[in-house]
Amino acid sequence: MTLLKGKVAIITGAGRGLGAAHARRLAQEGAAIVVNDMGRDERGEYTADSVVASIREAGGQAVAHTQDISTVEGGQSLLDAALAAFGRADILINNAGILRDKSLLKLDEGDWDVVLKVNLKSMYAVTRPVFAWMKENGGGVVVNTSSPSGLVGNFGQINYAASKSGAWGFSNVLTIEGAKCGVRVWTLVPTAVSALTAPLMDAAMQAQLAPEHVAEVMVYMVSELSGSRTGHCLFASGHSVRELKLVSAPGIAGAGVDPAFTARSLAAAEEAIYRPEPTLTVMDFAK
């Protein structure tokens, strides 16, 4: 039996890469897909149309949405497209994202604004109307895409990292707000080969980091296989799948509790403040 029969999934940035892999895999499990992407291929045709065609050729259901979702009007139009085509909105995957990599001192305001607009504001613009529909219609599942860069940092990606760490915070709050109305929320932290990174990898590495491996994890998250789980942040690649968590060191009592607390006493107790584990880097997630 298919895992998502009768479900409708909205996927942003699904014209290529991870988003397209999610769309095709969820369609294989019976979901009807709304493929959002403004991108065009070298022939000037919408990449969303190509993904829709491939899903339909395989016997699935899909429609394309090619409007800008970084505006409130665009976000509402995406929900409207799902309701017009399929009458429901059970799954939302916020996958849309772009890069404008530059170190801080070389980063101009335009490159900052466009990355935050596409990667983070679109998450608000789309999720708000979809979440409202889910709340009134029995719940659903929302998956927000973050990145290792957003959680541990990566040189030259200060705008991208800010947007992707924002996705994690967005999920944490949405988890709390969705708990009362049956909306489950996940954060996905993927590592997969893309058009940008493929030339830097050999064939074996490209196979290990194929987007389809991450799409399999997506099926788990949005289907009944994950039960009632919500609020989790999963790292996923062809190498491994694991939960990522914010952890706290033991710490020491602060000035409001310990009258002997001073900056000097804090410095003397540093081992209790900082965890001894080594700091992760983006490259650690690629292993």
C-alpha atoms as a PDB file:
ATOM      1  CA  MET A   1       0.000   0.000   0.000  1.00  0.00           C
ATOM      2  CA  THR A   2       1.101   3.543  -0.676  1.00  0.00           C
ATOM      3  CA  LEU A   3       1.820   5.646   2.402  1.00  0.00           C
ATOM      4  CA  LEU A   4       0.318   8.943   1.216  1.00  0.00           C
ATOM      5  CA  LYS A   5      -2.758   7.986  -0.760  1.00  0.00           C
ATOM      6  CA  GLY A   6      -5.333  10.772  -0.636  1.00  0.00           C
ATOM      7  CA  LYS A   7      -2.851  13.326   0.698  1.00  0.00           C
ATOM      8  CA  VAL A   8      -1.956  16.621  -0.989  1.00  0.00           C
ATOM      9  CA  ALA A   9       1.590  17.947  -0.656  1.00  0.00           C
ATOM     10  CA  ILE A  10       2.725  21.492  -1.400  1.00  0.00           C
ATOM     11  CA  ILE A  11       6.466  21.704  -2.077  1.00  0.00           C
ATOM     12  CA  THR A  12       8.275  25.003  -2.637  1.00  0.00           C
ATOM     13  CA  GLY A  13      11.415  25.200  -4.745  1.00  0.00           C
ATOM     14  CA  ALA A  14      10.539  21.839  -6.265  1.00  0.00           C
ATOM     15  CA  GLY A  15      11.653  22.479  -9.843  1.00  0.00           C
ATOM     16  CA  ARG A  16      14.988  20.756  -9.411  1.00  0.00           C
ATOM     17  CA  GLY A  17      17.349  19.213  -6.866  1.00  0.00           C
ATOM     18  CA  LEU A  18      16.017  18.214  -3.473  1.00  0.00           C
ATOM     19  CA  GLY A  19      12.589  19.709  -4.051  1.00  0.00           C
ATOM     20  CA  ALA A  20      12.089  17.753  -7.258  1.00  0.00           C
ATOM     21  CA  ALA A  21      13.258  14.559  -5.545  1.00  0.00           C
ATOM     22  CA  HIS A  22      10.749  15.153  -2.735  1.00  0.00           C
ATOM     23  CA  ALA A  23       7.967  15.753  -5.248  1.00  0.00           C
ATOM     24  CA  ARG A  24       8.614  12.600  -7.258  1.00  0.00           C
ATOM     25  CA  ARG A  25       9.058  10.366  -4.211  1.00  0.00           C
ATOM     26  CA  LEU A  26       5.930  11.584  -2.433  1.00  0.00           C
ATOM     27  CA  ALA A  27       4.000  11.159  -5.672  1.00  0.00           C
ATOM     28  CA  GLN A  28       5.187   7.553  -5.815  1.00  0.00           C
ATOM     29  CA  GLU A  29       3.586   7.071  -2.406  1.00  0.00           C
ATOM     30  CA  GLY A  30       0.255   8.354  -3.695  1.00  0.00           C
ATOM     31  CA  ALA A  31       0.303  12.047  -2.786  1.00  0.00           C
ATOM     32  CA  ALA A  32      -0.987  14.679  -5.202  1.00  0.00           C
ATOM     33  CA  ILE A  33       1.750  17.306  -5.569  1.00  0.00           C
ATOM     34  CA  VAL A  34       1.728  21.063  -6.019  1.00  0.00           C
ATOM     35  CA  VAL A  35       5.148  21.873  -7.482  1.00  0.00           C
ATOM     36  CA  ASN A  36       6.183  25.454  -6.803  1.00  0.00           C
ATOM     37  CA  ASP A  37       9.180  26.999  -8.554  1.00  0.00           C
ATOM     38  CA  MET A  38       9.809  30.216 -10.474  1.00  0.00           C
ATOM     39  CA  GLY A  39      12.971  28.869 -12.088  1.00  0.00           C
ATOM     40  CA  ARG A  40      13.397  28.286 -15.799  1.00  0.00           C
ATOM     41  CA  ASP A  41      15.654  25.911 -17.689  1.00  0.00           C
ATOM     42  CA  GLU A  42      18.075  26.748 -20.503  1.00  0.00           C
ATOM     43  CA  ARG A  43      15.158  26.751 -22.963  1.00  0.00           C
ATOM     44  CA  GLY A  44      13.265  29.307 -20.881  1.00  0.00           C
ATOM     45  CA  GLU A  45      10.633  26.815 -19.732  1.00  0.00           C
ATOM     46  CA  TYR A  46       9.527  26.525 -16.123  1.00  0.00           C
ATOM     47  CA  THR A  47      11.323  23.716 -14.305  1.00  0.00           C
ATOM     48  CA  ALA A  48       8.136  23.119 -12.293  1.00  0.00           C
ATOM     49  CA  ASP A  49       6.357  22.076 -15.494  1.00  0.00           C
ATOM     50  CA  SER A  50       9.025  19.473 -16.208  1.00  0.00           C
ATOM     51  CA  VAL A  51       8.668  17.934 -12.751  1.00  0.00           C
ATOM     52  CA  VAL A  52       4.887  17.891 -13.085  1.00  0.00           C
ATOM     53  CA  ALA A  53       5.179  16.169 -16.468  1.00  0.00           C
ATOM     54  CA  SER A  54       7.460  13.471 -15.051  1.00  0.00           C
ATOM     55  CA  ILE A  55       5.059  12.791 -12.177  1.00  0.00           C
ATOM     56  CA  ARG A  56       2.088  12.536 -14.509  1.00  0.00           C
ATOM     57  CA  GLU A  57       3.984  10.267 -16.893  1.00  0.00           C
ATOM     58  CA  ALA A  58       4.596   7.933 -13.951  1.00  0.00           C
ATOM     59  CA  GLY A  59       0.865   7.837 -13.210  1.00  0.00           C
ATOM     60  CA  GLY A  60       0.802  10.453 -10.446  1.00  0.00           C
ATOM     61  CA  GLN A  61      -1.078  13.693  -9.917  1.00  0.00           C
ATOM     62  CA  ALA A  62       0.614  17.081  -9.939  1.00  0.00           C
ATOM     63  CA  VAL A  63       0.144  20.727 -10.862  1.00  0.00           C
ATOM     64  CA  ALA A  64       2.650  23.537 -11.220  1.00  0.00           C
ATOM     65  CA  HIS A  65       2.712  26.882  -9.425  1.00  0.00           C
ATOM     66  CA  THR A  66       5.215  29.419 -10.753  1.00  0.00           C
ATOM     67  CA  GLN A  67       4.401  32.608  -8.845  1.00  0.00           C
ATOM     68  CA  ASP A  68       6.678  34.434  -6.413  1.00  0.00           C
ATOM     69  CA  ILE A  69       6.011  33.052  -2.925  1.00  0.00           C
ATOM     70  CA  SER A  70       8.092  35.625  -1.069  1.00  0.00           C
ATOM     71  CA  THR A  71       5.014  37.855  -0.873  1.00  0.00           C
ATOM     72  CA  VAL A  72       1.859  37.352   1.152  1.00  0.00           C
ATOM     73  CA  GLU A  73      -0.178  37.331  -2.054  1.00  0.00           C
ATOM     74  CA  GLY A  74       2.088  34.699  -3.577  1.00  0.00           C
ATOM     75  CA  GLY A  75       1.859  32.493  -0.516  1.00  0.00           C
ATOM     76  CA  GLN A  76      -1.923  32.661  -0.557  1.00  0.00           C
ATOM     77  CA  SER A  77      -1.979  31.871  -4.273  1.00  0.00           C
ATOM     78  CA  LEU A  78      -0.009  28.672  -3.612  1.00  0.00           C
ATOM     79  CA  LEU A  79      -2.622  27.439  -1.149  1.00  0.00           C
ATOM     80  CA  ASP A  80      -5.358  28.495  -3.557  1.00  0.00           C
ATOM     81  CA  ALA A  81      -3.700  26.429  -6.306  1.00  0.00           C
ATOM     82  CA  ALA A  82      -3.689  23.350  -4.084  1.00  0.00           C
ATOM     83  CA  LEU A  83      -7.332  23.773  -3.123  1.00  0.00           C
ATOM     84  CA  ALA A  84      -8.420  24.451  -6.700  1.00  0.00           C
ATOM     85  CA  ALA A  85      -6.643  21.390  -8.061  1.00  0.00           C
ATOM     86  CA  PHE A  86      -7.064  18.873  -5.245  1.00  0.00           C
ATOM     87  CA  GLY A  87      -9.291  20.364  -2.538  1.00  0.00           C
ATOM     88  CA  ARG A  88      -6.842  19.828   0.323  1.00  0.00           C
ATOM     89  CA  ALA A  89      -3.455  20.750   1.798  1.00  0.00           C
ATOM     90  CA  ASP A  90      -2.133  17.996   4.063  1.00  0.00           C
ATOM     91  CA  ILE A  91       1.623  18.456   3.736  1.00  0.00           C
ATOM     92  CA  LEU A  92       3.765  21.565   3.316  1.00  0.00           C
ATOM     93  CA  ILE A  93       7.479  21.296   2.557  1.00  0.00           C
ATOM     94  CA  ASN A  94       9.257  24.654   2.688  1.00  0.00           C
ATOM     95  CA  ASN A  95      12.250  23.858   0.502  1.00  0.00           C
ATOM     96  CA  ALA A  96      12.756  27.035  -1.567  1.00  0.00           C
ATOM     97  CA  GLY A  97      16.177  28.606  -1.225  1.00  0.00           C
ATOM     98  CA  ILE A  98      18.916  30.504  -3.036  1.00  0.00           C
ATOM     99  CA  LEU A  99      22.581  31.346  -2.448  1.00  0.00           C
ATOM    100  CA  ARG A 100      24.436  34.637  -2.777  1.00  0.00           C
ATOM    101  CA  ASP A 101      27.732  33.656  -1.164  1.00  0.00           C
ATOM    102  CA  LYS A 102      30.053  36.472  -0.084  1.00  0.00           C
ATOM    103  CA  SER A 103      31.983  37.246   3.076  1.00  0.00           C
ATOM    104  CA  LEU A 104      30.406  39.923   5.262  1.00  0.00           C
ATOM    105  CA  LEU A 105      32.563  42.834   4.128  1.00  0.00           C
ATOM    106  CA  LYS A 106      31.835  42.036   0.471  1.00  0.00           C
ATOM    107  CA  LEU A 107      28.120  41.430   0.985  1.00  0.00           C
ATOM    108  CA  ASP A 108      25.888  44.269  -0.160  1.00  0.00           C
ATOM    109  CA  GLU A 109      22.367  44.964   1.026  1.00  0.00           C
ATOM    110  CA  GLY A 110      20.767  43.511  -2.087  1.00  0.00           C
ATOM    111  CA  ASP A 111      22.421  40.132  -1.629  1.00  0.00           C
ATOM    112  CA  TRP A 112      21.394  40.096   2.022  1.00  0.00           C
ATOM    113  CA  ASP A 113      17.784  41.061   1.301  1.00  0.00           C
ATOM    114  CA  VAL A 114      17.116  38.654  -1.554  1.00  0.00           C
ATOM    115  CA  VAL A 115      18.404  35.607   0.349  1.00  0.00           C
ATOM    116  CA  LEU A 116      16.346  36.431   3.448  1.00  0.00           C
ATOM    117  CA  LYS A 117      13.338  37.138   1.221  1.00  0.00           C
ATOM    118  CA  VAL A 118      13.454  33.851  -0.680  1.00  0.00           C
ATOM    119  CA  ASN A 119      14.694  31.570   2.097  1.00  0.00           C
ATOM    120  CA  LEU A 120      12.874  32.936   5.133  1.00  0.00           C
ATOM    121  CA  LYS A 121      10.115  35.378   4.251  1.00  0.00           C
ATOM    122  CA  SER A 122       8.647  32.869   1.796  1.00  0.00           C
ATOM    123  CA  MET A 123       8.405  30.431   4.708  1.00  0.00           C
ATOM    124  CA  TYR A 124       6.183  32.922   6.526  1.00  0.00           C
ATOM    125  CA  ALA A 125       4.199  33.899   3.422  1.00  0.00           C
ATOM    126  CA  VAL A 126       3.374  30.289   2.522  1.00  0.00           C
ATOM    127  CA  THR A 127       3.049  28.699   5.951  1.00  0.00           C
ATOM    128  CA  ARG A 128       0.634  31.242   7.402  1.00  0.00           C
ATOM    129  CA  PRO A 129      -2.296  30.498   5.051  1.00  0.00           C
ATOM    130  CA  VAL A 130      -1.530  26.770   4.823  1.00  0.00           C
ATOM    131  CA  PHE A 131      -1.261  26.458   8.605  1.00  0.00           C
ATOM    132  CA  ALA A 132      -4.583  28.279   8.988  1.00  0.00           C
ATOM    133  CA  TRP A 133      -6.234  25.829   6.569  1.00  0.00           C
ATOM    134  CA  MET A 134      -4.713  22.821   8.365  1.00  0.00           C
ATOM    135  CA  LYS A 135      -5.860  24.149  11.744  1.00  0.00           C
ATOM    136  CA  GLU A 136      -9.462  24.322  10.530  1.00  0.00           C
ATOM    137  CA  ASN A 137      -9.377  20.997   8.675  1.00  0.00           C
ATOM    138  CA  GLY A 138      -7.938  18.364  10.983  1.00  0.00           C
ATOM    139  CA  GLY A 139      -4.207  19.093  10.977  1.00  0.00           C
ATOM    140  CA  GLY A 140      -1.274  18.264   8.740  1.00  0.00           C
ATOM    141  CA  VAL A 141       2.509  18.176   8.545  1.00  0.00           C
ATOM    142  CA  VAL A 142       4.927  21.056   7.902  1.00  0.00           C
ATOM    143  CA  VAL A 143       8.618  20.498   7.119  1.00  0.00           C
ATOM    144  CA  ASN A 144      10.980  23.494   7.122  1.00  0.00           C
ATOM    145  CA  THR A 145      14.368  23.119   5.458  1.00  0.00           C
ATOM    146  CA  SER A 146      17.431  24.369   7.322  1.00  0.00           C
ATOM    147  CA  SER A 147      21.107  23.681   6.558  1.00  0.00           C
ATOM    148  CA  PRO A 148      24.351  22.706   8.290  1.00  0.00           C
ATOM    149  CA  SER A 149      25.494  26.228   7.414  1.00  0.00           C
ATOM    150  CA  GLY A 150      22.652  27.635   9.471  1.00  0.00           C
ATOM    151  CA  LEU A 151      23.442  25.533  12.520  1.00  0.00           C
ATOM    152  CA  VAL A 152      27.257  25.511  12.607  1.00  0.00           C
ATOM    153  CA  GLY A 153      28.243  28.221  10.115  1.00  0.00           C
ATOM    154  CA  ASN A 154      30.221  28.241   6.883  1.00  0.00           C
ATOM    155  CA  PHE A 155      32.587  30.894   5.542  1.00  0.00           C
ATOM    156  CA  GLY A 156      31.012  33.257   3.041  1.00  0.00           C
ATOM    157  CA  GLN A 157      27.418  32.258   3.818  1.00  0.00           C
ATOM    158  CA  ILE A 158      26.403  34.752   6.477  1.00  0.00           C
ATOM    159  CA  ASN A 159      23.148  35.665   4.691  1.00  0.00           C
ATOM    160  CA  TYR A 160      22.301  32.043   3.881  1.00  0.00           C
ATOM    161  CA  ALA A 161      23.176  30.887   7.411  1.00  0.00           C
ATOM    162  CA  ALA A 162      21.021  33.611   8.958  1.00  0.00           C
ATOM    163  CA  SER A 163      18.036  32.519   6.865  1.00  0.00           C
ATOM    164  CA  LYS A 164      18.540  28.831   7.591  1.00  0.00           C
ATOM    165  CA  SER A 165      19.023  29.240  11.328  1.00  0.00           C
ATOM    166  CA  GLY A 166      15.831  31.299  11.152  1.00  0.00           C
ATOM    167  CA  ALA A 167      14.083  28.265   9.660  1.00  0.00           C
ATOM    168  CA  TRP A 168      14.994  26.257  12.751  1.00  0.00           C
ATOM    169  CA  GLY A 169      13.621  28.918  15.091  1.00  0.00           C
ATOM    170  CA  PHE A 170      10.501  29.189  12.924  1.00  0.00           C
ATOM    171  CA  SER A 171       9.948  25.439  13.315  1.00  0.00           C
ATOM    172  CA  ASN A 172      10.433  25.512  17.065  1.00  0.00           C
ATOM    173  CA  VAL A 173       7.685  28.077  17.543  1.00  0.00           C
ATOM    174  CA  LEU A 174       5.376  26.514  14.940  1.00  0.00           C
ATOM    175  CA  THR A 175       5.709  23.198  16.790  1.00  0.00           C
ATOM    176  CA  ILE A 176       4.279  24.816  19.926  1.00  0.00           C
ATOM    177  CA  GLU A 177       1.475  26.559  18.052  1.00  0.00           C
ATOM    178  CA  GLY A 178       0.620  23.466  16.014  1.00  0.00           C
ATOM    179  CA  ALA A 179       0.430  21.072  18.961  1.00  0.00           C
ATOM    180  CA  LYS A 180      -3.109  22.138  19.860  1.00  0.00           C
ATOM    181  CA  CYS A 181      -4.525  21.650  16.384  1.00  0.00           C
ATOM    182  CA  GLY A 182      -2.854  18.488  15.087  1.00  0.00           C
ATOM    183  CA  VAL A 183      -0.180  20.101  12.933  1.00  0.00           C
ATOM    184  CA  ARG A 184       3.122  18.245  13.210  1.00  0.00           C
ATOM    185  CA  VAL A 185       6.308  20.172  12.453  1.00  0.00           C
ATOM    186  CA  TRP A 186       9.798  19.056  11.454  1.00  0.00           C
ATOM    187  CA  THR A 187      13.083  20.735  10.594  1.00  0.00           C
ATOM    188  CA  LEU A 188      15.122  19.035   7.869  1.00  0.00           C
ATOM    189  CA  VAL A 189      18.883  19.622   7.647  1.00  0.00           C
ATOM    190  CA  PRO A 190      19.910  17.963   4.376  1.00  0.00           C
ATOM    191  CA  THR A 191      23.199  17.386   2.623  1.00  0.00           C
ATOM    192  CA  ALA A 192      22.838  16.405  -1.014  1.00  0.00           C
ATOM    193  CA  VAL A 193      24.589  16.945  -4.313  1.00  0.00           C
ATOM    194  CA  SER A 194      23.357  19.877  -6.383  1.00  0.00           C
ATOM    195  CA  ALA A 195      24.123  21.439  -9.739  1.00  0.00           C
ATOM    196  CA  LEU A 196      26.603  23.712  -7.958  1.00  0.00           C
ATOM    197  CA  THR A 197      28.440  21.019  -6.013  1.00  0.00           C
ATOM    198  CA  ALA A 198      28.376  18.123  -8.496  1.00  0.00           C
ATOM    199  CA  PRO A 199      31.495  19.280 -10.418  1.00  0.00           C
ATOM    200  CA  LEU A 200      33.463  19.140  -7.151  1.00  0.00           C
ATOM    201  CA  MET A 201      32.588  15.486  -6.452  1.00  0.00           C
ATOM    202  CA  ASP A 202      33.539  12.186  -7.999  1.00  0.00           C
ATOM    203  CA  ALA A 203      30.876   9.749  -9.186  1.00  0.00           C
ATOM    204  CA  ALA A 204      30.921   7.708  -5.979  1.00  0.00           C
ATOM    205  CA  MET A 205      30.387  10.776  -3.800  1.00  0.00           C
ATOM    206  CA  GLN A 206      27.584  12.020  -6.047  1.00  0.00           C
ATOM    207  CA  ALA A 207      25.851   8.657  -5.705  1.00  0.00           C
ATOM    208  CA  GLN A 208      26.203   8.683  -1.908  1.00  0.00           C
ATOM    209  CA  LEU A 209      24.789  12.199  -1.661  1.00  0.00           C
ATOM    210  CA  ALA A 210      21.988  11.835  -4.226  1.00  0.00           C
ATOM    211  CA  PRO A 211      18.861  13.872  -3.326  1.00  0.00           C
ATOM    212  CA  GLU A 212      16.753  10.719  -3.539  1.00  0.00           C
ATOM    213  CA  HIS A 213      18.286   9.479  -0.268  1.00  0.00           C
ATOM    214  CA  VAL A 214      17.010  12.569   1.527  1.00  0.00           C
ATOM    215  CA  ALA A 215      13.599  12.222  -0.133  1.00  0.00           C
ATOM    216  CA  GLU A 216      13.231   8.809   1.497  1.00  0.00           C
ATOM    217  CA  VAL A 217      13.647  10.473   4.886  1.00  0.00           C
ATOM    218  CA  MET A 218      11.011  13.009   3.870  1.00  0.00           C
ATOM    219  CA  VAL A 219       8.512  10.215   3.226  1.00  0.00           C
ATOM    220  CA  TYR A 220       9.116   8.971   6.762  1.00  0.00           C
ATOM    221  CA  MET A 221       8.603  12.424   8.286  1.00  0.00           C
ATOM    222  CA  VAL A 222       5.343  13.318   6.529  1.00  0.00           C
ATOM    223  CA  SER A 223       3.705   9.888   6.649  1.00  0.00           C
ATOM    224  CA  GLU A 224       2.152   7.817   9.430  1.00  0.00           C
ATOM    225  CA  LEU A 225       5.472   5.984   9.766  1.00  0.00           C
ATOM    226  CA  SER A 226       6.634   8.735  12.139  1.00  0.00           C
ATOM    227  CA  GLY A 227       3.457   8.533  14.219  1.00  0.00           C
ATOM    228  CA  SER A 228       2.748  11.594  16.341  1.00  0.00           C
ATOM    229  CA  ARG A 229       6.334  12.867  16.393  1.00  0.00           C
ATOM    230  CA  THR A 230       6.733  16.607  16.118  1.00  0.00           C
ATOM    231  CA  GLY A 231       9.350  19.244  16.858  1.00  0.00           C
ATOM    232  CA  HIS A 232      12.332  17.153  15.781  1.00  0.00           C
ATOM    233  CA  CYS A 233      15.261  18.360  13.681  1.00  0.00           C
ATOM    234  CA  LEU A 234      16.694  15.623  11.450  1.00  0.00           C
ATOM    235  CA  PHE A 235      19.961  15.702   9.551  1.00  0.00           C
ATOM    236  CA  ALA A 236      19.680  13.563   6.420  1.00  0.00           C
ATOM    237  CA  SER A 237      22.098  12.527   3.697  1.00  0.00           C
ATOM    238  CA  GLY A 238      23.144   9.355   1.940  1.00  0.00           C
ATOM    239  CA  HIS A 239      25.767   8.946   4.661  1.00  0.00           C
ATOM    240  CA  SER A 240      23.568   9.143   7.761  1.00  0.00           C
ATOM    241  CA  VAL A 241      20.287  10.182   9.339  1.00  0.00           C
ATOM    242  CA  ARG A 242      20.356  11.579  12.870  1.00  0.00           C
ATOM    243  CA  GLU A 243      18.563  13.996  15.148  1.00  0.00           C
ATOM    244  CA  LEU A 244      20.224  17.316  15.881  1.00  0.00           C
ATOM    245  CA  LYS A 245      19.593  18.963  19.250  1.00  0.00           C
ATOM    246  CA  LEU A 246      20.582  22.047  21.179  1.00  0.00           C
ATOM    247  CA  VAL A 247      22.400  20.879  24.307  1.00  0.00           C
ATOM    248  CA  SER A 248      23.462  22.642  27.473  1.00  0.00           C
ATOM    249  CA  ALA A 249      26.600  22.325  29.585  1.00  0.00           C
ATOM    250  CA  PRO A 250      26.242  21.886  33.384  1.00  0.00           C
ATOM    251  CA  GLY A 251      26.963  25.576  34.028  1.00  0.00           C
ATOM    252  CA  ILE A 252      27.447  27.429  37.300  1.00  0.00           C
ATOM    253  CA  ALA A 253      25.182  29.519  39.525  1.00  0.00           C
ATOM    254  CA  GLY A 254      24.807  33.141  38.469  1.00  0.00           C
ATOM    255  CA  ALA A 255      25.001  36.340  40.489  1.00  0.00           C
ATOM    256  CA  GLY A 256      21.325  36.189  41.460  1.00  0.00           C
ATOM    257  CA  VAL A 257      21.951  32.905  43.308  1.00  0.00           C
ATOM    258  CA  ASP A 258      25.610  33.002  44.313  1.00  0.00           C
ATOM    259  CA  PRO A 259      26.574  36.187  46.181  1.00  0.00           C
ATOM    260  CA  ALA A 260      30.236  35.365  45.528  1.00  0.00           C
ATOM    261  CA  PHE A 261      29.754  35.393  41.770  1.00  0.00           C
ATOM    262  CA  THR A 262      32.141  37.646  39.827  1.00  0.00           C
ATOM    263  CA  ALA A 263      33.638  37.732  36.369  1.00  0.00           C
ATOM    264  CA  ARG A 264      36.768  36.219  37.913  1.00  0.00           C
ATOM    265  CA  SER A 265      34.871  33.332  39.496  1.00  0.00           C
ATOM    266  CA  LEU A 266      33.203  32.690  36.169  1.00  0.00           C
ATOM    267  CA  ALA A 267      36.580  32.482  34.450  1.00  0.00           C
ATOM    268  CA  ALA A 268      37.799  30.083  37.127  1.00  0.00           C
ATOM    269  CA  ALA A 269      34.859  27.732  36.461  1.00  0.00           C
ATOM    270  CA  GLU A 270      35.004  27.698  32.671  1.00  0.00           C
ATOM    271  CA  GLU A 271      35.045  23.905  32.450  1.00  0.00           C
ATOM    272  CA  ALA A 272      31.473  23.799  33.747  1.00  0.00           C
ATOM    273  CA  ILE A 273      30.323  26.427  31.255  1.00  0.00           C
ATOM    274  CA  TYR A 274      31.757  25.066  28.021  1.00  0.00           C
ATOM    275  CA  ARG A 275      31.167  21.519  26.897  1.00  0.00           C
ATOM    276  CA  PRO A 276      34.330  19.568  26.120  1.00  0.00           C
ATOM    277  CA  GLU A 277      33.023  18.157  22.823  1.00  0.00           C
ATOM    278  CA  PRO A 278      34.735  19.512  19.683  1.00  0.00           C
ATOM    279  CA  THR A 279      32.908  22.112  17.641  1.00  0.00           C
ATOM    280  CA  LEU A 280      31.239  20.782  14.496  1.00  0.00           C
ATOM    281  CA  THR A 281      31.865  22.265  11.069  1.00  0.00           C
ATOM    282  CA  VAL A 282      29.965  21.960   7.806  1.00  0.00           C
ATOM    283  CA  MET A 283      32.535  19.438   6.609  1.00  0.00           C
ATOM    284  CA  ASP A 284      31.697  17.161   9.539  1.00  0.00           C
ATOM    285  CA  PHE A 285      28.189  16.821   8.134  1.00  0.00           C
ATOM    286  CA  ALA A 286      29.550  15.645   4.793  1.00  0.00           C
ATOM    287  CA  LYS A 287      31.268  12.632   6.359  1.00  0.00           C
END
